[in-house]
Protein backbone atom coordinates (compact mmCIF):
# COMPACT_ATOMS: atom_id res chain seq x y z
CA MET A 1 0.01 0.00 -0.04
CA LYS A 2 2.84 2.36 0.82
CA ASN A 3 4.42 1.86 -2.63
CA SER A 4 1.12 2.39 -4.42
CA ASN A 5 0.61 5.65 -2.56
CA PHE A 6 4.12 6.77 -3.64
CA LEU A 7 3.37 5.88 -7.27
CA PHE A 8 0.12 7.76 -7.07
CA LYS A 9 1.87 10.89 -5.85
CA LYS A 10 4.48 10.59 -8.58
CA ASN A 11 1.86 10.27 -11.31
CA ASN A 12 -0.01 13.22 -9.97
CA PHE A 13 3.24 15.19 -10.06
CA LYS A 14 3.85 14.21 -13.69
CA LYS A 15 0.49 15.63 -14.57
CA ALA A 16 1.21 18.73 -12.52
CA ARG A 17 4.51 19.49 -14.22
CA LEU A 18 2.76 19.64 -17.62
CA ASN A 19 0.38 22.29 -16.36
CA THR A 20 2.39 24.43 -14.10
CA GLU A 21 5.53 26.56 -14.39
CA ALA A 22 8.84 25.38 -13.09
CA ARG A 23 8.83 27.79 -10.15
CA LEU A 24 11.60 27.20 -7.63
CA GLU A 25 10.72 28.23 -4.06
CA VAL A 26 13.29 28.07 -1.31
CA GLU A 27 11.74 28.71 2.11
CA ASN A 28 13.84 29.29 5.26
CA ILE A 29 16.30 26.46 4.58
CA ASN A 30 19.12 25.69 7.03
CA VAL A 31 21.95 23.25 6.37
CA SER A 32 24.86 22.47 8.64
CA TYR A 33 27.82 20.07 8.74
CA GLY A 34 28.08 19.14 12.31
CA LYS A 35 28.39 22.35 14.32
CA ASN A 36 29.34 24.34 11.19
CA ILE A 37 26.45 26.33 9.60
CA ALA A 38 26.62 26.18 5.82
CA LEU A 39 23.27 27.87 4.95
CA ASP A 40 21.52 30.09 7.46
CA ASN A 41 17.76 30.64 6.90
CA ILE A 42 17.85 31.07 3.06
CA SER A 43 14.67 32.15 1.22
CA PHE A 44 14.18 33.18 -2.43
CA VAL A 45 11.87 32.40 -5.41
CA VAL A 46 13.04 31.89 -8.96
CA GLU A 47 10.47 32.05 -11.79
CA GLU A 48 10.42 29.75 -14.81
CA GLY A 49 12.99 30.57 -17.44
CA GLU A 50 15.06 33.04 -15.36
CA ASN A 51 18.85 33.11 -15.66
CA ILE A 52 20.32 33.59 -12.18
CA ALA A 53 23.97 34.18 -11.20
CA LEU A 54 24.90 32.74 -7.77
CA ILE A 55 27.74 34.90 -6.31
CA GLY A 56 29.68 34.56 -3.08
CA PRO A 57 33.19 34.00 -1.64
CA ASN A 58 34.71 30.55 -1.20
CA GLY A 59 32.91 28.79 1.61
CA ALA A 60 29.78 30.85 1.17
CA GLY A 61 27.57 27.77 0.68
CA LYS A 62 27.05 27.94 -3.09
CA SER A 63 27.79 24.27 -3.73
CA THR A 64 25.84 23.31 -0.58
CA LEU A 65 22.86 25.15 -1.92
CA PHE A 66 23.05 23.29 -5.21
CA LYS A 67 23.39 19.93 -3.50
CA ALA A 68 20.43 20.70 -1.31
CA LEU A 69 18.32 21.64 -4.39
CA VAL A 70 18.98 18.25 -5.96
CA GLY A 71 18.59 16.32 -2.69
CA LEU A 72 22.24 15.22 -2.31
CA ILE A 73 22.35 16.63 1.24
CA PRO A 74 19.48 16.88 3.81
CA LEU A 75 17.97 20.14 5.11
CA ASP A 76 18.12 20.79 8.78
CA SER A 77 14.94 22.76 8.44
CA GLY A 78 12.92 24.63 5.78
CA LYS A 79 11.61 23.42 2.43
CA ILE A 80 12.30 23.48 -1.30
CA LEU A 81 9.40 23.38 -3.73
CA ILE A 82 9.51 22.82 -7.53
CA HIS A 83 6.21 22.99 -9.42
CA GLY A 84 4.77 23.37 -5.92
CA PHE A 85 6.00 19.92 -4.96
CA PRO A 86 8.88 18.97 -2.63
CA ALA A 87 12.28 18.66 -4.41
CA GLY A 88 12.81 15.02 -5.54
CA TYR A 89 9.27 14.24 -6.65
CA HIS A 90 10.47 14.10 -10.23
CA ILE A 91 14.12 13.01 -10.53
CA ASP A 92 14.80 14.45 -14.02
CA CYS A 93 13.19 17.83 -13.35
CA VAL A 94 16.48 19.36 -11.98
CA ALA A 95 19.94 18.79 -13.60
CA TYR A 96 23.14 19.56 -11.80
CA VAL A 97 26.58 20.18 -13.27
CA PRO A 98 29.10 19.96 -10.37
CA GLN A 99 32.55 21.57 -10.22
CA LYS A 100 35.14 19.88 -12.41
CA GLU A 101 37.23 18.96 -9.34
CA GLU A 102 34.46 16.71 -8.10
CA ILE A 103 34.56 14.51 -11.20
CA ASP A 104 36.92 11.50 -11.82
CA TRP A 105 38.11 12.40 -15.30
CA MET A 106 40.26 9.27 -15.54
CA PHE A 107 37.28 6.92 -15.44
CA PRO A 108 37.42 4.81 -18.62
CA ILE A 109 34.34 6.00 -20.33
CA THR A 110 33.54 7.78 -23.66
CA VAL A 111 31.87 11.17 -24.21
CA PHE A 112 28.78 9.47 -25.60
CA GLU A 113 28.48 7.25 -22.52
CA VAL A 114 28.78 10.21 -20.19
CA VAL A 115 26.04 12.19 -21.93
CA LEU A 116 23.81 9.06 -22.10
CA MET A 117 23.79 9.00 -18.27
CA GLY A 118 21.58 12.00 -18.58
CA ARG A 119 18.86 9.75 -20.11
CA TYR A 120 18.94 7.08 -17.34
CA SER A 121 16.16 8.60 -15.21
CA ASN A 122 13.88 8.53 -18.32
CA LEU A 123 14.34 4.78 -18.89
CA LYS A 124 12.06 2.16 -17.45
CA THR A 125 13.51 -0.37 -15.02
CA PHE A 126 15.92 -2.85 -16.72
CA SER A 127 15.26 -1.37 -20.13
CA LYS A 128 18.04 -0.33 -22.61
CA PRO A 129 18.46 3.04 -24.18
CA GLN A 130 16.41 3.42 -27.34
CA LYS A 131 17.11 5.18 -30.68
CA LYS A 132 15.41 8.30 -29.28
CA ASP A 133 17.87 8.36 -26.41
CA SER A 134 20.89 8.23 -28.82
CA GLU A 135 19.37 11.00 -30.88
CA ILE A 136 18.99 13.18 -27.77
CA VAL A 137 22.58 12.49 -26.83
CA PHE A 138 23.96 13.58 -30.29
CA SER A 139 21.66 16.55 -30.29
CA SER A 140 22.92 17.64 -26.84
CA LEU A 141 26.59 17.25 -28.01
CA GLU A 142 25.81 19.29 -31.11
CA LYS A 143 24.49 22.12 -28.93
CA MET A 144 27.80 22.20 -27.19
CA GLY A 145 29.69 21.97 -30.48
CA ILE A 146 31.43 18.64 -29.61
CA LYS A 147 29.51 16.13 -31.59
CA GLU A 148 32.67 14.90 -33.28
CA LEU A 149 34.12 13.89 -29.88
CA ALA A 150 31.32 11.42 -29.13
CA HIS A 151 33.61 8.33 -29.12
CA GLU A 152 36.59 9.96 -27.50
CA LYS A 153 37.55 9.04 -23.89
CA ILE A 154 36.78 11.94 -21.46
CA SER A 155 40.32 11.60 -19.98
CA GLU A 156 41.69 12.71 -23.39
CA LEU A 157 39.77 15.95 -23.58
CA SER A 158 40.79 19.48 -22.71
CA GLY A 159 39.33 21.25 -19.67
CA GLY A 160 36.91 23.21 -21.85
CA GLN A 161 35.77 20.14 -23.76
CA GLN A 162 35.20 18.26 -20.43
CA GLN A 163 33.07 21.02 -19.20
CA LYS A 164 30.96 20.93 -22.39
CA VAL A 165 30.47 17.25 -22.02
CA PHE A 166 28.93 17.51 -18.58
CA ILE A 167 26.70 20.42 -19.67
CA ALA A 168 25.59 18.21 -22.62
CA ARG A 169 24.79 15.47 -20.16
CA ALA A 170 22.58 17.83 -18.23
CA ILE A 171 20.91 19.01 -21.47
CA ALA A 172 20.18 15.34 -22.40
CA GLN A 173 18.25 15.04 -19.16
CA ARG A 174 15.78 17.55 -20.60
CA PRO A 175 15.47 19.43 -17.28
CA HIS A 176 13.19 22.26 -16.26
CA ILE A 177 15.86 23.68 -13.93
CA LEU A 178 19.66 23.59 -14.58
CA LEU A 179 22.24 24.18 -11.89
CA MET A 180 25.87 24.76 -12.90
CA ASP A 181 28.68 25.09 -10.38
CA GLU A 182 31.56 27.22 -11.57
CA PRO A 183 31.27 26.31 -15.33
CA PHE A 184 33.52 29.18 -16.40
CA THR A 185 36.49 28.21 -14.18
CA GLY A 186 39.59 27.03 -16.02
CA VAL A 187 38.09 27.13 -19.51
CA ASP A 188 39.05 28.97 -22.61
CA LEU A 189 37.15 31.94 -24.18
CA SER A 190 35.51 29.70 -26.79
CA THR A 191 33.99 27.53 -24.04
CA LYS A 192 32.78 30.62 -22.14
CA GLU A 193 31.04 31.95 -25.32
CA THR A 194 29.46 28.50 -25.94
CA ILE A 195 28.14 28.40 -22.42
CA LEU A 196 26.78 31.95 -22.58
CA SER A 197 25.09 31.19 -25.96
CA PHE A 198 23.50 28.14 -24.34
CA LEU A 199 22.17 30.38 -21.58
CA ASN A 200 20.44 32.57 -24.08
CA ASP A 201 18.84 29.53 -25.73
CA SER A 202 17.70 28.28 -22.30
CA LYS A 203 15.83 31.49 -21.76
CA LYS A 204 13.95 31.00 -25.03
CA ASN A 205 13.11 27.48 -24.07
CA LYS A 206 11.90 28.38 -20.61
CA ILE A 207 14.64 26.43 -18.79
CA THR A 208 15.49 28.00 -15.44
CA VAL A 209 19.26 28.22 -14.96
CA ILE A 210 21.26 29.06 -11.82
CA VAL A 211 24.97 29.40 -12.35
CA ALA A 212 27.63 29.78 -9.57
CA ILE A 213 30.33 32.09 -10.76
CA HIS A 214 33.13 34.36 -9.39
CA ASP A 215 33.25 36.87 -12.24
CA LEU A 216 31.05 39.89 -11.24
CA ASN A 217 31.42 41.36 -14.72
CA ILE A 218 29.97 38.15 -16.41
CA ALA A 219 27.22 38.09 -13.88
CA ALA A 220 26.27 41.76 -14.44
CA LYS A 221 26.24 41.52 -18.21
CA ASN A 222 24.67 38.08 -18.88
CA PHE A 223 22.24 37.39 -15.97
CA GLU A 224 18.96 39.01 -15.36
CA LYS A 225 19.14 38.37 -11.52
CA VAL A 226 21.82 37.68 -8.93
CA ILE A 227 21.74 35.72 -5.68
CA LEU A 228 24.51 37.18 -3.37
CA LEU A 229 25.27 34.64 -0.74
CA ASN A 230 27.56 34.25 2.25
CA LYS A 231 25.91 31.52 4.35
CA LYS A 232 23.04 34.06 4.69
CA LEU A 233 21.29 35.59 1.78
CA ILE A 234 22.92 39.06 1.35
CA SER A 235 20.73 40.26 -1.58
CA PHE A 236 18.60 38.88 -4.43
CA GLY A 237 17.53 40.94 -7.44
CA LYS A 238 18.76 42.65 -10.60
CA PRO A 239 22.55 43.04 -10.89
CA ALA A 240 22.31 46.84 -10.53
CA GLU A 241 20.30 46.38 -7.28
CA VAL A 242 22.54 43.69 -5.81
CA PHE A 243 26.03 44.94 -6.82
CA ILE A 244 26.18 47.87 -4.57
CA LYS A 245 29.08 48.61 -2.25
CA SER A 246 27.30 47.73 1.04
CA ASN A 247 26.13 44.38 -0.27
CA LEU A 248 29.53 43.44 -1.70
CA ASN A 249 31.28 44.44 1.51
CA LYS A 250 28.95 42.18 3.49
CA ALA A 251 29.61 39.26 1.11
CA PHE A 252 33.33 39.54 0.48
CA GLY A 253 34.81 41.79 3.18
CA ASP A 254 38.46 42.44 2.47
CA GLN A 255 38.38 40.47 -0.76
CA ILE A 256 36.48 43.19 -2.53
CA MET A 257 38.17 46.28 -3.81
CA PHE A 258 36.76 49.39 -5.51
CA LEU A 259 38.47 51.53 -8.10
CA ASN A 260 36.83 54.29 -10.16
CA GLY A 261 33.42 52.98 -9.31
CA MET A 262 34.36 49.35 -10.36
CA ALA A 263 34.35 46.43 -8.06
CA PHE A 264 37.21 43.85 -8.20
CA LEU A 265 37.64 40.53 -6.40
CA ASP A 266 41.06 39.57 -5.05
CA GLU A 267 40.89 35.78 -4.60
CA CYS A 268 44.61 35.05 -4.37
CA CYS A 269 44.12 33.86 -0.80
CA PRO A 270 41.43 32.25 1.38
CA PRO A 271 39.50 34.97 3.27
CA ASP A 272 40.97 34.05 6.64
CA ASP A 273 44.53 34.47 5.36
CA TYR A 274 43.96 37.61 3.34
CA LYS A 275 45.12 40.21 5.93
CA LYS A 276 48.04 38.08 6.90
CA ASN A 277 49.33 37.74 3.37
CA VAL A 278 48.93 41.39 2.37
CA GLY A 279 50.46 42.62 5.59
CA GLY A 280 47.27 44.07 7.04
CA LEU A 281 46.35 44.30 10.70
């Protein structure tokens, strides 16, 4: 009986997702690792199709927020709603591209096989991928401009190509919400341009995208809203509203510098070591 109730709820949700927008609601969530607070009473709402930049210093809780949104870590309190239902009701609704450092790039697997993983949640139990799944894989690779790399080993790719592969895997999942953790880090200009072009296409296709980045300039020019985070929510809104001196000082402290009205981040050192390394008091 318990299993049948679960299936009933899942089926109801599948119907709901066809008739409602992919609205993401985060309500008073708290996450901690032991005694260390990672996220402190975070609340915000993202509407369907919005492109959001997630900004904050190292250790601000950006990756923790993403992992909470996809159910990889539990909440201490609060709730997350997607389509008005708790996160996790539909496993393929949210796709997550983690930081490159979290991926084992030496695993003996091809580009095609990596992207095909994005289709697994759509397959019936014990069923094999169908022709449609292969077509979606190649279409996703083509969107990232790496279709010709389908049969290459991921260990043989450049950093930019590897990043494109994992974004292609997320695209193959056909998500309503896409989370990308530092996709611009350690990639070339061509890869950055490909990702930014994809973000524009996502807007047209009503895919909600939240991207954790460090570059304030990219955030200001290419995203309609910004979440400024440092364990607590500092500010959420349009870049011009969020990127004001008081907010940036709260978020970055001594890491932020201002020159001729421009804000610059100095990330040469972890925040705790900053003053020590620059000889400050």
